[in-house]
Amino acid sequence: MSQVNERRKFLKWVAAGFGAAMLPYGNMAFAADPPRRVIFVYFPDGMRPEHWHPSTTGTNFVLPRMTAPLERVRQHCVFLGGIDMKGSGSTHEGGVLKLLTGADGRASDKAVSLDYYLAQSFKTQTVRPHLNLNIVPVWDSAGVTFDANGLRVAPEPNPLAAFESLFGANAADNFLVQRRLSVMSASLNELNALRNNLGSVEQAKLDTHLESLRELEQKLNANAGVCAAWNFNPTGFKVTRTGFWSNPEYRDASKMGLISSLQMDIAVHALACDLTRVVTLTWGHAVNEAVIAESGSGQTCHQASHGGGEDFIKVKAWYTEQLAKLIEQLASVPEGSGTLLDNTLIFVGSDLANGGWHNHTDMPFILAGGNSAGISGGRSLRFNGTPHNKILVSMAQFMGLNLNQFGTQDTNPGPLPGLIA
């Protein structure tokens, strides 16, 4: 009876691709069929509609000054107008609560955000379910991510710590190495134990699969080498002050452009190496009181939002310049028959629509990438008070989830119409 059970176990292993322990290998070998990824981008304090939204709908449109930096990547972007965040209140704080949850915007909602939800959906297939990064926050709790209990999940503001946790300098810290060694070791140990209880015919079959497994390991080692061959932090950015009250370097607004580049580098390489499939990039936080000197404005983002004039235009254009760089980085990575950008859908949003009016009507939403799912860029779409929940549903469906509703504010659930073109 024992041998019969072992044979049944063997057949299950073969049918399942050597069991759940082998999932990471199956997911890394995706040259012919790359996985889908999503990036959630948050810029604080809204915008001014006349300086953000394209002049017309369709493909023949002009980008105003806040989004003008996206001109060079417009072929990858879908600009969305007339979409509202429904629910009570029109505050910064309410906007943060609504943005990725699609809930009402009250602290009592205790709603999960889509980035966290998607990360949990793919947590068995990647090393890091969710890469949650912030660029120059004032406090640690800043972020737009909420767990299954509706509690805020703090993002990582230190790019050096984020890099070390994913790509560490030695094998003990390197998740790529951990993935290869731990999964392979566990699988081989189980298979060798199983082999001793099999008959000669089953042993021969198992040996064939073991040989395929070793070949796959060699390929993965080669791929990991490609992932590791990366000149991270070429300027030598350092963090010498690590305590919250010691003003660590990653909170220095004068270095915001550098820190932005470092965090985006980490995000792109983590996706390219399939260490994660869900990334959240948060620039600061709502009511942002950092001065971005590189933007050419001497006002903080929040201060400029209430003036709404030249300073606000400069600040917002600086943010969309970062977005353009991110899109270019993703588009530069070949993958399958296209690029990493083709298999990644970027969602761009904020806590407010008009930063001076504190409303949630006609939000500054942009989608980029996703061509592998039939999402064509270079378009401006206009809606009439459509709940932004439909964007969240479209993001989930892009990732392959069978969802038709996310959040509580859409009385006519479904994905965003017209997105697939």
Protein backbone atom coordinates (compact mmCIF):
# COMPACT_ATOMS: atom_id res chain seq x y z
CA MET A 1 0.00 0.00 0.00
CA SER A 2 2.88 2.34 0.83
CA GLN A 3 4.38 1.94 -2.65
CA VAL A 4 0.99 2.59 -4.27
CA ASN A 5 0.65 5.79 -2.28
CA GLU A 6 4.12 6.89 -3.28
CA ARG A 7 3.31 6.24 -6.93
CA ARG A 8 0.14 8.30 -6.61
CA LYS A 9 2.17 11.07 -5.02
CA PHE A 10 4.66 10.88 -7.87
CA LEU A 11 1.94 11.20 -10.48
CA LYS A 12 0.53 14.23 -8.66
CA TRP A 13 3.97 15.84 -8.64
CA VAL A 14 4.38 15.29 -12.37
CA ALA A 15 0.89 16.58 -13.15
CA ALA A 16 1.40 19.67 -11.00
CA GLY A 17 4.84 20.49 -12.29
CA PHE A 18 6.54 19.14 -9.11
CA GLY A 19 4.09 20.84 -6.81
CA ALA A 20 3.61 24.30 -5.37
CA ALA A 21 7.29 24.55 -4.44
CA MET A 22 8.13 24.87 -8.12
CA LEU A 23 5.85 27.87 -8.78
CA PRO A 24 8.62 30.48 -8.69
CA TYR A 25 10.55 28.67 -11.40
CA GLY A 26 7.53 28.42 -13.64
CA ASN A 27 6.90 32.12 -13.22
CA MET A 28 10.45 33.20 -13.97
CA ALA A 29 10.64 31.24 -17.23
CA PHE A 30 8.28 33.61 -19.03
CA ALA A 31 10.19 34.58 -22.17
CA ALA A 32 7.34 33.43 -24.44
CA ASP A 33 4.46 34.46 -22.21
CA PRO A 34 5.44 37.29 -19.85
CA PRO A 35 3.35 37.91 -16.73
CA ARG A 36 1.31 41.06 -16.24
CA ARG A 37 2.32 43.76 -13.76
CA VAL A 38 0.81 46.95 -12.37
CA ILE A 39 2.30 50.16 -11.00
CA PHE A 40 0.28 52.60 -8.93
CA VAL A 41 1.68 56.13 -9.07
CA TYR A 42 0.56 58.79 -6.61
CA PHE A 43 1.26 62.52 -7.00
CA PRO A 44 0.00 64.78 -4.20
CA ASP A 45 -2.35 67.76 -4.05
CA GLY A 46 -4.28 67.48 -7.30
CA MET A 47 -3.88 69.75 -10.34
CA ARG A 48 -5.69 72.45 -12.32
CA PRO A 49 -7.89 70.90 -15.04
CA GLU A 50 -7.10 73.53 -17.67
CA HIS A 51 -3.39 72.87 -17.24
CA TRP A 52 -3.63 69.08 -16.96
CA HIS A 53 -6.26 67.59 -19.26
CA PRO A 54 -5.70 67.44 -23.04
CA SER A 55 -7.45 70.01 -25.18
CA THR A 56 -9.68 67.51 -27.00
CA THR A 57 -10.54 63.82 -27.07
CA GLY A 58 -9.32 61.29 -29.60
CA THR A 59 -5.75 61.10 -30.86
CA ASN A 60 -5.24 64.63 -32.17
CA PHE A 61 -4.87 66.60 -28.97
CA VAL A 62 -2.53 69.04 -27.29
CA LEU A 63 -1.11 68.47 -23.84
CA PRO A 64 -1.16 71.56 -21.59
CA ARG A 65 1.81 72.54 -19.48
CA MET A 66 1.33 70.30 -16.45
CA THR A 67 1.33 67.16 -18.61
CA ALA A 68 3.54 68.50 -21.42
CA PRO A 69 6.55 66.37 -20.30
CA LEU A 70 4.50 63.32 -21.35
CA GLU A 71 4.49 64.46 -24.97
CA ARG A 72 7.51 62.30 -25.76
CA VAL A 73 5.75 59.18 -24.39
CA ARG A 74 2.17 60.08 -25.33
CA GLN A 75 1.99 57.05 -27.60
CA HIS A 76 1.98 54.93 -24.43
CA CYS A 77 -0.56 57.01 -22.46
CA VAL A 78 -4.34 57.15 -22.16
CA PHE A 79 -5.43 60.49 -20.68
CA LEU A 80 -8.71 60.22 -18.77
CA GLY A 81 -11.05 63.15 -18.15
CA GLY A 82 -14.45 63.39 -16.51
CA ILE A 83 -13.86 60.63 -13.96
CA ASP A 84 -14.83 61.29 -10.36
CA MET A 85 -13.97 59.78 -7.00
CA LYS A 86 -17.43 59.30 -5.53
CA GLY A 87 -18.24 59.28 -1.84
CA SER A 88 -18.44 61.71 1.03
CA GLY A 89 -16.02 64.54 1.60
CA SER A 90 -13.58 66.24 -0.72
CA THR A 91 -10.50 66.45 1.44
CA HIS A 92 -6.87 65.43 1.01
CA GLU A 93 -7.31 62.73 3.62
CA GLY A 94 -10.55 61.45 2.09
CA GLY A 95 -8.92 61.36 -1.33
CA VAL A 96 -6.07 59.21 -0.03
CA LEU A 97 -8.62 56.83 1.48
CA LYS A 98 -10.63 56.62 -1.74
CA LEU A 99 -7.90 56.50 -4.37
CA LEU A 100 -7.08 52.78 -4.44
CA THR A 101 -9.97 51.46 -2.35
CA GLY A 102 -12.91 52.88 -4.29
CA ALA A 103 -14.64 53.33 -0.92
CA ASP A 104 -16.52 56.27 0.54
CA GLY A 105 -13.48 58.08 1.90
CA ARG A 106 -14.17 57.78 5.63
CA ALA A 107 -11.68 56.33 8.10
CA SER A 108 -14.45 54.01 9.31
CA ASP A 109 -14.65 52.36 5.88
CA LYS A 110 -11.74 50.05 6.72
CA ALA A 111 -11.44 49.21 3.03
CA VAL A 112 -8.61 47.33 1.33
CA SER A 113 -6.71 49.07 -1.47
CA LEU A 114 -6.33 47.47 -4.88
CA ASP A 115 -2.53 47.31 -4.76
CA TYR A 116 -2.65 45.30 -1.54
CA TYR A 117 -5.49 43.14 -2.88
CA LEU A 118 -3.58 42.30 -6.06
CA ALA A 119 -0.39 41.62 -4.11
CA GLN A 120 -2.23 39.06 -2.00
CA SER A 121 -3.63 37.48 -5.15
CA PHE A 122 -0.12 36.82 -6.48
CA LYS A 123 1.81 36.37 -3.25
CA THR A 124 2.57 32.68 -3.90
CA GLN A 125 4.04 33.45 -7.31
CA THR A 126 6.59 36.13 -6.47
CA VAL A 127 9.23 36.75 -3.83
CA ARG A 128 7.87 40.17 -2.82
CA PRO A 129 4.08 40.37 -3.13
CA HIS A 130 4.11 44.16 -3.03
CA LEU A 131 6.90 46.68 -3.56
CA ASN A 132 5.67 49.81 -1.80
CA LEU A 133 8.03 52.80 -2.14
CA ASN A 134 7.86 56.46 -1.16
CA ILE A 135 9.88 59.43 -2.38
CA VAL A 136 10.82 62.00 0.31
CA PRO A 137 7.95 61.77 2.81
CA VAL A 138 7.87 63.92 5.93
CA TRP A 139 6.50 61.09 8.13
CA ASP A 140 6.77 57.31 7.94
CA SER A 141 3.05 56.53 7.83
CA ALA A 142 2.50 58.31 4.52
CA GLY A 143 1.03 56.16 1.79
CA VAL A 144 -2.06 55.16 -0.18
CA THR A 145 -1.99 51.43 0.60
CA PHE A 146 -4.44 49.81 3.03
CA ASP A 147 -4.44 46.19 4.12
CA ALA A 148 -7.38 43.80 4.42
CA ASN A 149 -8.33 45.42 7.75
CA GLY A 150 -8.24 48.91 6.26
CA LEU A 151 -5.03 49.82 8.08
CA ARG A 152 -2.46 51.96 6.29
CA VAL A 153 0.64 50.10 5.10
CA ALA A 154 3.72 52.28 5.41
CA PRO A 155 5.91 52.39 2.29
CA GLU A 156 9.72 52.20 2.26
CA PRO A 157 11.27 55.67 1.88
CA ASN A 158 14.94 54.58 1.91
CA PRO A 159 16.04 53.45 -1.56
CA LEU A 160 19.18 51.78 -0.20
CA ALA A 161 17.12 49.69 2.20
CA ALA A 162 14.69 48.81 -0.60
CA PHE A 163 17.56 47.76 -2.85
CA GLU A 164 19.22 45.67 -0.16
CA SER A 165 16.01 43.85 0.67
CA LEU A 166 15.54 42.80 -2.95
CA PHE A 167 18.97 42.52 -4.51
CA GLY A 168 21.31 42.52 -1.45
CA ALA A 169 25.07 42.58 -1.80
CA ASN A 170 25.57 38.95 -0.73
CA ALA A 171 23.85 35.63 -1.17
CA ALA A 172 22.32 35.65 2.31
CA ASP A 173 20.39 38.81 1.49
CA ASN A 174 19.78 38.28 -2.21
CA PHE A 175 16.19 37.20 -2.88
CA LEU A 176 17.13 35.98 -6.35
CA VAL A 177 19.67 33.63 -4.85
CA GLN A 178 17.26 32.64 -2.09
CA ARG A 179 14.60 31.85 -4.64
CA ARG A 180 16.89 29.58 -6.65
CA LEU A 181 18.58 27.82 -3.74
CA SER A 182 15.68 27.35 -1.35
CA VAL A 183 13.15 26.20 -3.93
CA MET A 184 15.60 23.94 -5.75
CA SER A 185 16.94 22.44 -2.53
CA ALA A 186 13.49 21.73 -1.13
CA SER A 187 12.29 20.23 -4.39
CA LEU A 188 15.32 18.01 -4.90
CA ASN A 189 15.19 16.75 -1.32
CA GLU A 190 11.55 15.79 -1.69
CA LEU A 191 12.12 14.18 -5.08
CA ASN A 192 15.11 12.17 -3.89
CA ALA A 193 13.13 10.91 -0.90
CA LEU A 194 10.28 10.00 -3.22
CA ARG A 195 12.60 8.24 -5.68
CA ASN A 196 13.66 5.62 -3.15
CA ASN A 197 10.06 4.39 -2.89
CA LEU A 198 9.38 4.13 -6.62
CA GLY A 199 9.70 1.26 -9.00
CA SER A 200 12.25 1.26 -11.82
CA VAL A 201 9.81 2.60 -14.40
CA GLU A 202 8.73 5.52 -12.21
CA GLN A 203 12.37 6.17 -11.25
CA ALA A 204 13.30 6.51 -14.92
CA LYS A 205 10.47 8.98 -15.47
CA LEU A 206 11.51 10.96 -12.42
CA ASP A 207 15.15 11.03 -13.58
CA THR A 208 14.01 12.58 -16.86
CA HIS A 209 12.17 15.30 -15.02
CA LEU A 210 15.13 15.86 -12.71
CA GLU A 211 17.35 16.45 -15.73
CA SER A 212 14.87 19.01 -17.08
CA LEU A 213 14.85 20.63 -13.68
CA ARG A 214 18.63 20.98 -13.67
CA GLU A 215 18.56 22.51 -17.17
CA LEU A 216 15.97 25.00 -15.98
CA GLU A 217 18.17 25.85 -13.01
CA GLN A 218 21.04 26.67 -15.36
CA LYS A 219 18.82 28.97 -17.41
CA LEU A 220 17.56 30.69 -14.29
CA ASN A 221 21.08 31.20 -13.04
CA ALA A 222 21.89 32.88 -16.33
CA ASN A 223 18.79 35.06 -16.12
CA ALA A 224 19.62 36.02 -12.55
CA GLY A 225 23.01 37.14 -13.74
CA VAL A 226 21.33 39.48 -16.19
CA CYS A 227 19.11 40.86 -13.45
CA ALA A 228 22.09 41.40 -11.18
CA ALA A 229 24.19 43.17 -13.83
CA TRP A 230 23.02 46.64 -12.94
CA ASN A 231 24.85 49.82 -12.03
CA PHE A 232 22.60 50.85 -9.19
CA ASN A 233 23.22 54.18 -7.47
CA PRO A 234 25.97 55.45 -9.79
CA THR A 235 26.24 58.76 -7.91
CA GLY A 236 26.98 57.04 -4.61
CA PHE A 237 23.98 58.30 -2.62
CA LYS A 238 24.46 57.40 1.05
CA VAL A 239 22.28 57.30 4.14
CA THR A 240 24.35 58.06 7.23
CA ARG A 241 21.49 59.15 9.48
CA THR A 242 18.91 56.42 9.95
CA GLY A 243 16.79 57.49 12.91
CA PHE A 244 13.48 59.23 12.24
CA TRP A 245 14.47 62.30 14.26
CA SER A 246 17.97 62.45 12.79
CA ASN A 247 16.78 63.85 9.44
CA PRO A 248 17.96 60.96 7.24
CA GLU A 249 19.18 61.82 3.77
CA TYR A 250 16.23 60.14 2.04
CA ARG A 251 13.97 62.84 3.54
CA ASP A 252 16.02 65.63 1.97
CA ALA A 253 13.77 67.41 -0.55
CA SER A 254 16.84 68.88 -2.27
CA LYS A 255 17.69 65.31 -3.33
CA MET A 256 14.17 64.47 -4.50
CA GLY A 257 15.14 63.98 -8.13
CA LEU A 258 17.95 61.59 -7.22
CA ILE A 259 15.82 59.62 -4.77
CA SER A 260 13.02 59.50 -7.33
CA SER A 261 15.42 57.97 -9.89
CA LEU A 262 16.72 55.42 -7.39
CA GLN A 263 13.26 54.26 -6.36
CA MET A 264 12.12 54.01 -9.97
CA ASP A 265 15.26 52.02 -10.86
CA ILE A 266 14.48 49.56 -8.10
CA ALA A 267 10.86 49.25 -9.22
CA VAL A 268 11.73 48.59 -12.86
CA HIS A 269 14.37 45.99 -12.04
CA ALA A 270 12.17 44.24 -9.50
CA LEU A 271 9.48 43.89 -12.17
CA ALA A 272 11.93 42.84 -14.87
CA CYS A 273 13.33 40.12 -12.58
CA ASP A 274 9.79 39.05 -11.62
CA LEU A 275 10.50 39.64 -7.94
CA THR A 276 7.15 41.38 -7.72
CA ARG A 277 4.20 42.17 -9.94
CA VAL A 278 2.65 44.97 -7.92
CA VAL A 279 4.45 48.27 -7.28
CA THR A 280 3.22 51.43 -5.58
CA LEU A 281 5.25 54.61 -6.05
CA THR A 282 4.18 57.47 -3.81
CA TRP A 283 5.75 60.88 -4.16
CA GLY A 284 5.60 62.29 -0.63
CA HIS A 285 2.06 62.48 0.69
CA ALA A 286 -1.04 64.64 0.70
CA VAL A 287 -0.67 68.23 1.93
CA ASN A 288 2.89 68.02 0.70
CA GLU A 289 5.05 70.75 2.19
CA ALA A 290 8.30 69.89 0.41
CA VAL A 291 9.88 72.45 -1.90
CA ILE A 292 11.07 70.80 -5.12
CA ALA A 293 13.86 73.15 -6.09
CA GLU A 294 14.46 71.22 -9.32
CA SER A 295 10.99 72.22 -10.50
CA GLY A 296 11.96 75.89 -10.55
CA SER A 297 9.36 76.77 -7.92
CA GLY A 298 10.19 78.09 -4.48
CA GLN A 299 6.79 77.06 -3.13
CA THR A 300 5.78 73.71 -1.67
CA CYS A 301 3.40 71.56 -3.68
CA HIS A 302 0.56 72.20 -1.23
CA GLN A 303 1.24 75.94 -1.10
CA ALA A 304 1.39 76.15 -4.88
CA SER A 305 -1.85 74.18 -5.24
CA HIS A 306 -3.82 76.93 -3.54
CA GLY A 307 -2.31 79.61 -5.74
CA GLY A 308 -2.86 77.50 -8.83
CA GLY A 309 -0.60 79.63 -10.99
CA GLU A 310 2.90 79.38 -12.43
CA ASP A 311 4.42 77.70 -9.38
CA PHE A 312 1.82 74.93 -9.41
CA ILE A 313 2.37 74.35 -13.12
CA LYS A 314 6.11 73.96 -12.54
CA VAL A 315 5.64 71.55 -9.65
CA LYS A 316 3.14 69.36 -11.50
CA ALA A 317 5.30 69.35 -14.64
CA TRP A 318 8.18 68.10 -12.50
CA TYR A 319 6.05 65.18 -11.34
CA THR A 320 4.94 64.23 -14.85
CA GLU A 321 8.57 64.42 -15.96
CA GLN A 322 9.28 61.65 -13.42
CA LEU A 323 6.40 59.68 -14.92
CA ALA A 324 7.81 60.12 -18.42
CA LYS A 325 11.16 58.76 -17.22
CA LEU A 326 9.47 55.75 -15.63
CA ILE A 327 7.59 54.99 -18.84
CA GLU A 328 10.81 55.28 -20.86
CA GLN A 329 12.61 52.91 -18.51
CA LEU A 330 9.91 50.26 -18.80
CA ALA A 331 9.77 50.67 -22.57
CA SER A 332 13.55 50.13 -22.82
CA VAL A 333 13.38 46.59 -21.38
CA PRO A 334 12.74 43.95 -24.09
CA GLU A 335 10.38 41.21 -23.02
CA GLY A 336 8.77 38.49 -25.09
CA SER A 337 7.67 39.97 -28.39
CA GLY A 338 7.47 43.48 -26.90
CA THR A 339 8.67 45.35 -23.84
CA LEU A 340 8.21 45.38 -20.10
CA LEU A 341 5.92 48.38 -20.55
CA ASP A 342 3.63 46.38 -22.84
CA ASN A 343 3.07 43.92 -19.99
CA THR A 344 2.75 46.58 -17.30
CA LEU A 345 -0.20 48.89 -16.67
CA ILE A 346 0.55 52.14 -14.84
CA PHE A 347 -2.18 53.97 -12.97
CA VAL A 348 -1.59 57.64 -12.10
CA GLY A 349 -3.76 59.45 -9.57
CA SER A 350 -3.91 61.97 -6.75
CA ASP A 351 -5.84 62.78 -3.58
CA LEU A 352 -7.62 65.77 -5.17
CA ALA A 353 -8.82 66.96 -8.55
CA ASN A 354 -8.54 70.76 -8.51
CA GLY A 355 -5.93 71.37 -5.81
CA GLY A 356 -7.30 74.78 -4.92
CA TRP A 357 -10.94 73.72 -4.76
CA HIS A 358 -10.44 70.49 -2.78
CA ASN A 359 -12.83 68.50 -4.94
CA HIS A 360 -12.89 64.98 -6.35
CA THR A 361 -14.56 65.82 -9.65
CA ASP A 362 -12.68 65.36 -12.94
CA MET A 363 -9.67 63.69 -11.34
CA PRO A 364 -6.14 63.75 -12.85
CA PHE A 365 -6.09 60.09 -13.93
CA ILE A 366 -3.73 58.66 -16.54
CA LEU A 367 -3.10 55.08 -17.62
CA ALA A 368 0.08 54.03 -19.42
CA GLY A 369 1.35 50.79 -20.93
CA GLY A 370 -0.69 47.61 -21.12
CA ASN A 371 -0.42 47.13 -24.87
CA SER A 372 -0.29 43.34 -24.43
CA ALA A 373 -3.92 43.51 -23.27
CA GLY A 374 -5.04 45.64 -26.20
CA ILE A 375 -4.73 49.00 -24.44
CA SER A 376 -3.63 51.48 -27.10
CA GLY A 377 -1.94 54.69 -26.01
CA GLY A 378 -1.89 58.09 -27.62
CA ARG A 379 -5.55 58.70 -26.75
CA SER A 380 -7.59 61.19 -24.76
CA LEU A 381 -10.88 59.83 -23.41
CA ARG A 382 -13.60 61.92 -21.83
CA PHE A 383 -16.34 60.64 -19.52
CA ASN A 384 -19.23 62.26 -17.65
CA GLY A 385 -18.91 61.73 -13.92
CA THR A 386 -17.89 58.09 -14.25
CA PRO A 387 -16.85 56.51 -10.91
CA HIS A 388 -13.14 55.80 -10.79
CA ASN A 389 -13.98 52.32 -9.46
CA LYS A 390 -14.16 51.30 -13.12
CA ILE A 391 -10.45 52.04 -13.51
CA LEU A 392 -9.70 49.83 -10.52
CA VAL A 393 -11.77 47.02 -12.05
CA SER A 394 -9.89 47.42 -15.34
CA MET A 395 -6.59 47.16 -13.48
CA ALA A 396 -7.70 43.95 -11.77
CA GLN A 397 -8.93 42.46 -15.04
CA PHE A 398 -5.63 43.38 -16.72
CA MET A 399 -3.95 41.23 -14.08
CA GLY A 400 -6.24 38.34 -14.97
CA LEU A 401 -8.61 38.52 -12.02
CA ASN A 402 -12.27 37.78 -12.61
CA LEU A 403 -13.53 40.94 -10.94
CA ASN A 404 -16.37 43.16 -12.08
CA GLN A 405 -16.55 45.41 -9.02
CA PHE A 406 -14.05 46.92 -6.62
CA GLY A 407 -15.00 49.30 -3.86
CA THR A 408 -18.45 50.59 -3.02
CA GLN A 409 -19.07 53.68 -5.11
CA ASP A 410 -20.14 52.33 -8.51
CA THR A 411 -23.86 51.58 -8.86
CA ASN A 412 -23.29 50.13 -12.34
CA PRO A 413 -20.19 47.96 -11.84
CA GLY A 414 -17.80 47.03 -14.60
CA PRO A 415 -14.52 48.02 -16.25
CA LEU A 416 -13.81 51.38 -17.84
CA PRO A 417 -15.52 51.46 -21.25
CA GLY A 418 -13.42 52.28 -24.28
CA LEU A 419 -10.11 51.44 -22.64
CA ILE A 420 -9.46 48.42 -24.86
CA ALA A 421 -9.09 49.71 -28.39
